[in-house]
N, C-alpha and C. Protein backbone atom coordinates (compact mmCIF):
# COMPACT_ATOMS: atom_id res chain seq x y z
N MET A 1 1.23 33.41 -35.48
CA MET A 1 0.89 31.96 -35.73
C MET A 1 2.18 31.59 -35.10
N ALA A 2 3.06 32.19 -35.56
CA ALA A 2 4.76 31.20 -34.82
C ALA A 2 4.43 31.22 -33.03
N LYS A 3 4.25 31.98 -32.66
CA LYS A 3 3.96 32.51 -31.23
C LYS A 3 2.31 31.68 -30.36
N LEU A 4 1.48 31.33 -30.83
CA LEU A 4 0.85 29.81 -30.98
C LEU A 4 1.11 28.90 -31.09
N ARG A 5 1.66 28.24 -32.11
CA ARG A 5 2.08 26.59 -32.57
C ARG A 5 2.67 26.70 -30.92
N GLU A 6 3.93 27.73 -30.52
CA GLU A 6 5.13 27.75 -29.69
C GLU A 6 4.01 27.69 -28.83
N ASP A 7 3.06 28.49 -28.04
CA ASP A 7 2.82 27.88 -27.17
C ASP A 7 1.69 27.27 -26.88
N LEU A 8 1.69 25.80 -28.43
CA LEU A 8 0.48 24.79 -28.06
C LEU A 8 1.19 23.75 -28.11
N THR A 9 2.29 23.87 -28.73
CA THR A 9 3.82 22.93 -28.44
C THR A 9 4.20 22.56 -26.63
N LEU A 10 4.59 23.71 -26.54
CA LEU A 10 4.67 23.67 -24.93
C LEU A 10 3.66 23.68 -23.91
N ALA A 11 2.11 23.34 -24.13
CA ALA A 11 1.07 23.06 -23.69
C ALA A 11 1.44 22.19 -23.37
N GLU A 12 0.91 21.18 -25.35
CA GLU A 12 0.71 19.61 -24.80
C GLU A 12 2.18 18.81 -23.91
N ILE A 13 3.43 19.61 -24.40
CA ILE A 13 5.02 18.79 -23.36
C ILE A 13 3.96 19.13 -21.80
N GLU A 14 3.67 19.79 -21.70
CA GLU A 14 3.14 19.97 -20.53
C GLU A 14 2.00 18.44 -19.72
N ARG A 15 1.40 18.61 -20.75
CA ARG A 15 -0.04 18.06 -20.66
C ARG A 15 1.17 16.13 -20.72
N ASN A 16 1.50 16.23 -21.32
CA ASN A 16 2.21 14.71 -21.50
C ASN A 16 3.36 14.82 -19.73
N ALA A 17 3.86 15.27 -19.75
CA ALA A 17 4.48 15.22 -18.38
C ALA A 17 3.64 14.73 -17.01
N ALA A 18 2.52 15.79 -17.53
CA ALA A 18 1.59 15.09 -16.20
C ALA A 18 0.40 14.00 -16.35
N GLN A 19 0.01 13.54 -17.84
CA GLN A 19 -0.11 12.19 -17.74
C GLN A 19 0.91 11.35 -17.43
N LEU A 20 1.79 11.41 -17.92
CA LEU A 20 2.58 10.69 -17.33
C LEU A 20 3.37 10.44 -15.66
N GLU A 21 3.56 11.94 -14.57
CA GLU A 21 3.32 11.09 -13.26
C GLU A 21 1.97 11.07 -12.76
N GLN A 22 1.56 10.73 -13.95
CA GLN A 22 -0.90 10.36 -12.94
C GLN A 22 -0.61 8.48 -13.54
N ILE A 23 0.87 7.65 -14.24
CA ILE A 23 1.36 7.16 -14.70
C ILE A 23 1.73 6.40 -13.23
N ASP A 24 2.56 7.50 -13.27
CA ASP A 24 3.92 7.35 -13.02
C ASP A 24 3.20 6.56 -11.04
N ILE A 25 2.27 6.96 -10.70
CA ILE A 25 1.62 7.33 -9.56
C ILE A 25 0.18 6.34 -8.86
N ASP A 26 0.09 5.90 -10.25
CA ASP A 26 -1.10 4.46 -10.09
C ASP A 26 -0.38 3.59 -10.38
N GLY A 27 1.15 3.23 -11.25
CA GLY A 27 1.93 1.82 -11.09
C GLY A 27 2.53 2.22 -9.31
N VAL A 28 2.71 2.65 -8.17
CA VAL A 28 3.86 2.84 -7.41
C VAL A 28 2.12 2.55 -5.93
N LEU A 29 0.94 3.12 -6.50
CA LEU A 29 0.11 2.29 -6.30
C LEU A 29 -0.72 1.34 -6.23
N ALA A 30 0.22 0.55 -7.54
CA ALA A 30 -0.76 -0.78 -7.64
C ALA A 30 -0.15 -1.46 -7.35
N PHE A 31 2.00 -1.83 -7.04
CA PHE A 31 2.82 -2.24 -6.39
C PHE A 31 2.58 -1.93 -5.41
N ALA A 32 2.37 -0.67 -4.67
CA ALA A 32 1.56 -1.29 -3.02
C ALA A 32 0.93 -1.48 -2.14
N GLU A 33 0.06 -2.06 -3.72
CA GLU A 33 -0.85 -3.26 -3.13
C GLU A 33 -0.84 -4.71 -3.47
N HIS A 34 0.37 -4.33 -4.09
CA HIS A 34 0.76 -5.68 -4.31
C HIS A 34 1.56 -6.46 -3.12
N VAL A 35 2.27 -5.28 -3.29
CA VAL A 35 2.69 -5.96 -2.11
C VAL A 35 2.43 -6.69 -0.86
N LEU A 36 1.27 -5.60 -0.33
CA LEU A 36 0.79 -5.63 1.25
C LEU A 36 -0.66 -6.73 0.63
N SER A 37 -0.44 -6.93 -0.40
CA SER A 37 -1.46 -8.04 -0.19
C SER A 37 -1.15 -9.18 -0.19
N HIS A 38 0.24 -9.91 -0.96
CA HIS A 38 1.22 -10.90 -1.37
C HIS A 38 2.28 -10.91 -0.34
N SER A 39 2.35 -9.58 1.07
CA SER A 39 3.95 -10.40 1.52
C SER A 39 4.35 -11.92 2.17
N ALA A 40 3.00 -12.48 2.14
CA ALA A 40 3.80 -13.36 2.86
C ALA A 40 4.73 -14.74 1.87
N ALA A 41 3.76 -14.72 1.07
CA ALA A 41 3.80 -15.15 -0.84
C ALA A 41 5.27 -14.41 -1.16
N MET A 42 5.16 -13.52 -1.49
CA MET A 42 6.66 -12.81 -1.52
C MET A 42 7.88 -12.73 -0.40
N TRP A 43 7.93 -13.20 0.65
CA TRP A 43 8.71 -13.09 1.96
C TRP A 43 9.24 -15.12 1.48
N SER A 44 7.83 -15.34 1.72
CA SER A 44 8.25 -17.28 1.18
C SER A 44 9.41 -17.20 -0.24
N ALA A 45 9.35 -16.28 -0.78
CA ALA A 45 9.95 -16.65 -2.49
C ALA A 45 11.46 -15.87 -2.43
N ALA A 46 11.18 -15.50 -1.83
CA ALA A 46 12.57 -14.43 -1.19
C ALA A 46 13.72 -14.60 -0.94
N GLY A 47 15.18 -14.95 -1.09
CA GLY A 47 16.55 -15.06 -0.86
C GLY A 47 16.73 -13.69 0.53
N PRO A 48 17.52 -13.91 1.66
CA PRO A 48 17.73 -13.18 2.37
C PRO A 48 17.82 -12.05 1.91
N ALA A 49 18.76 -10.94 1.22
CA ALA A 49 18.56 -10.05 1.41
C ALA A 49 17.52 -9.32 0.24
N GLU A 50 16.33 -10.06 -0.46
CA GLU A 50 14.87 -9.23 -0.47
C GLU A 50 14.34 -9.72 0.67
N ARG A 51 14.09 -10.23 1.29
CA ARG A 51 13.71 -10.77 2.96
C ARG A 51 14.32 -10.08 4.18
N ALA A 52 15.05 -9.21 3.86
CA ALA A 52 15.67 -7.80 4.77
C ALA A 52 15.09 -6.57 3.92
N ALA A 53 15.30 -5.95 2.88
CA ALA A 53 14.56 -5.11 2.18
C ALA A 53 13.01 -5.49 2.34
N LEU A 54 13.05 -6.93 1.75
CA LEU A 54 10.77 -6.74 2.10
C LEU A 54 9.98 -5.94 3.44
N GLN A 55 11.10 -7.24 4.92
CA GLN A 55 10.64 -6.55 6.43
C GLN A 55 11.19 -5.00 6.30
N THR A 56 12.61 -4.20 6.01
CA THR A 56 12.67 -2.51 6.26
C THR A 56 11.63 -2.44 5.28
N ALA A 57 11.81 -2.19 4.27
CA ALA A 57 9.67 -1.95 4.14
C ALA A 57 8.22 -2.08 4.03
N LEU A 58 8.27 -2.76 5.23
CA LEU A 58 7.33 -2.88 6.38
C LEU A 58 7.04 -2.50 7.69
N PHE A 59 7.94 -2.42 7.68
CA PHE A 59 8.64 -2.36 9.55
C PHE A 59 9.83 -1.72 9.52
N PRO A 60 9.93 -0.47 8.74
CA PRO A 60 10.62 0.39 8.69
C PRO A 60 12.10 0.45 10.03
N ARG A 61 11.51 0.83 11.38
CA ARG A 61 11.79 0.43 13.02
C ARG A 61 11.81 -0.24 13.55
N GLY A 62 12.14 -1.08 12.63
CA GLY A 62 12.59 -2.96 12.98
C GLY A 62 11.69 -3.19 14.04
N LEU A 63 11.82 -5.12 13.82
CA LEU A 63 10.63 -5.66 14.92
C LEU A 63 11.61 -5.56 16.34
N GLU A 64 10.39 -5.79 17.14
CA GLU A 64 10.75 -6.11 18.46
C GLU A 64 10.68 -7.46 18.85
N TRP A 65 11.26 -8.56 19.82
CA TRP A 65 10.71 -10.34 20.56
C TRP A 65 10.51 -9.81 22.14
N THR A 66 9.24 -10.20 22.17
CA THR A 66 9.19 -10.25 23.31
C THR A 66 8.88 -11.39 23.90
N THR A 67 8.09 -11.76 25.33
CA THR A 67 7.93 -13.29 24.97
C THR A 67 6.74 -13.14 24.52
N ASP A 68 5.64 -13.22 24.73
CA ASP A 68 4.59 -12.40 23.38
C ASP A 68 4.58 -12.44 22.34
N GLY A 69 5.87 -12.00 21.51
CA GLY A 69 5.63 -12.64 20.33
C GLY A 69 6.15 -11.35 19.61
N PHE A 70 6.11 -11.55 18.47
CA PHE A 70 7.31 -9.66 17.91
C PHE A 70 5.57 -9.16 17.97
N GLY A 71 6.22 -7.34 17.75
CA GLY A 71 6.06 -6.36 17.62
C GLY A 71 6.01 -5.39 16.83
N THR A 72 6.39 -4.87 16.34
CA THR A 72 6.90 -3.65 16.06
C THR A 72 6.94 -1.74 17.27
N VAL A 73 7.65 -1.23 17.09
CA VAL A 73 7.96 0.41 17.94
C VAL A 73 6.37 0.98 17.40
N VAL A 74 6.60 1.45 15.88
CA VAL A 74 5.78 2.01 15.26
C VAL A 74 5.33 1.28 14.38
N THR A 75 3.44 1.44 14.37
CA THR A 75 2.21 0.81 13.05
C THR A 75 3.16 1.36 11.92
N SER A 76 3.53 0.68 10.96
CA SER A 76 3.69 1.61 10.20
C SER A 76 2.83 1.79 9.27
N ALA A 77 2.25 2.93 8.45
CA ALA A 77 1.32 4.35 7.66
C ALA A 77 1.02 3.11 6.78
N ALA A 78 1.20 2.09 5.80
CA ALA A 78 0.28 0.98 5.26
C ALA A 78 -0.49 0.05 5.98
N PHE A 79 -0.02 -0.59 7.53
CA PHE A 79 -0.21 -1.04 8.50
C PHE A 79 -1.92 -0.14 8.51
N SER A 80 -1.44 1.13 9.38
CA SER A 80 -2.61 2.26 10.40
C SER A 80 -3.92 2.16 8.60
N TYR A 81 -3.95 2.12 7.98
CA TYR A 81 -4.22 2.55 7.30
C TYR A 81 -5.23 1.62 6.17
N LEU A 82 -4.59 -0.30 6.87
CA LEU A 82 -5.33 -1.67 6.55
C LEU A 82 -6.42 -1.50 7.89
N GLN A 83 -6.44 -0.88 8.68
CA GLN A 83 -6.68 -1.47 10.74
C GLN A 83 -7.90 -0.62 10.52
N THR A 84 -8.23 0.95 9.43
CA THR A 84 -8.85 2.08 9.45
C THR A 84 -10.05 0.98 9.06
N ILE A 85 -9.76 0.76 7.58
CA ILE A 85 -10.57 -0.43 6.66
C ILE A 85 -11.64 -1.16 6.92
N GLY A 86 -10.43 -1.53 7.92
CA GLY A 86 -11.24 -3.62 8.61
C GLY A 86 -12.30 -3.03 9.59
N ALA A 87 -12.01 -1.64 10.24
CA ALA A 87 -12.33 -1.37 11.73
C ALA A 87 -14.00 -0.50 11.34
N LYS A 88 -14.19 -0.37 10.23
CA LYS A 88 -15.84 0.08 9.47
C LYS A 88 -16.57 -1.04 9.73
N LYS A 89 -17.66 -0.16 10.20
CA LYS A 89 -18.55 -1.88 10.74
C LYS A 89 -19.67 -1.96 9.99
N SER A 90 -19.80 -2.34 10.05
CA SER A 90 -21.23 -3.52 9.17
C SER A 90 -22.28 -3.05 9.61
N ARG A 91 -23.95 -2.58 8.44
CA ARG A 91 -24.39 -2.33 9.00
C ARG A 91 -25.31 -3.62 8.61
N VAL A 92 -24.50 -4.11 8.09
CA VAL A 92 -25.89 -5.97 8.36
C VAL A 92 -25.32 -6.75 9.44
N ALA A 93 -26.21 -7.39 9.99
CA ALA A 93 -26.85 -8.24 10.73
C ALA A 93 -25.90 -9.40 10.68
N SER A 94 -25.70 -9.99 11.27
CA SER A 94 -24.28 -10.85 11.08
C SER A 94 -25.23 -12.02 11.01
N PRO A 95 -25.12 -13.18 10.34
CA PRO A 95 -25.85 -14.45 9.64
C PRO A 95 -26.29 -15.75 11.44
N PRO A 96 -27.20 -16.10 10.80
CA PRO A 96 -27.65 -16.81 12.56
C PRO A 96 -27.09 -18.24 12.57
N GLY A 97 -26.38 -18.12 13.66
CA GLY A 97 -25.79 -19.24 14.39
C GLY A 97 -24.33 -18.59 15.06
N PHE A 98 -24.40 -16.57 14.57
CA PHE A 98 -22.98 -16.55 15.38
C PHE A 98 -23.31 -16.11 17.10
N GLU A 99 -24.40 -16.13 16.50
CA GLU A 99 -24.45 -15.52 18.55
C GLU A 99 -25.70 -16.64 19.21
N PRO A 100 -25.83 -16.08 20.25
CA PRO A 100 -26.86 -17.20 21.11
C PRO A 100 -28.23 -16.95 20.65
N GLY A 101 -28.94 -17.38 20.73
CA GLY A 101 -30.20 -17.15 20.37
C GLY A 101 -31.82 -16.98 20.94
N PHE A 102 -31.88 -15.94 21.56
CA PHE A 102 -33.16 -15.38 22.32
C PHE A 102 -33.87 -16.48 22.60
């Protein structure tokens, strides 16, 4: 009986640890979604140190300036993911007025 109680206790500890890890992952994903969705507002409200941290998080290899405007050497993985979401083609027809009638 003592061995079974010990095994049961160890299994419960492992289960609780796994649940805590899942909560942490959910929290990190929710935070990342919030930062990506509200980055402009966060930038406006931030001080110089926070702006530098936000810029580093969004553009880890920095920004470049050319005569055409700002750009990045490498697109952040978060923005690459967002581009794939936006690139999905809709199977719904455009409402009237967007294309000339024939």
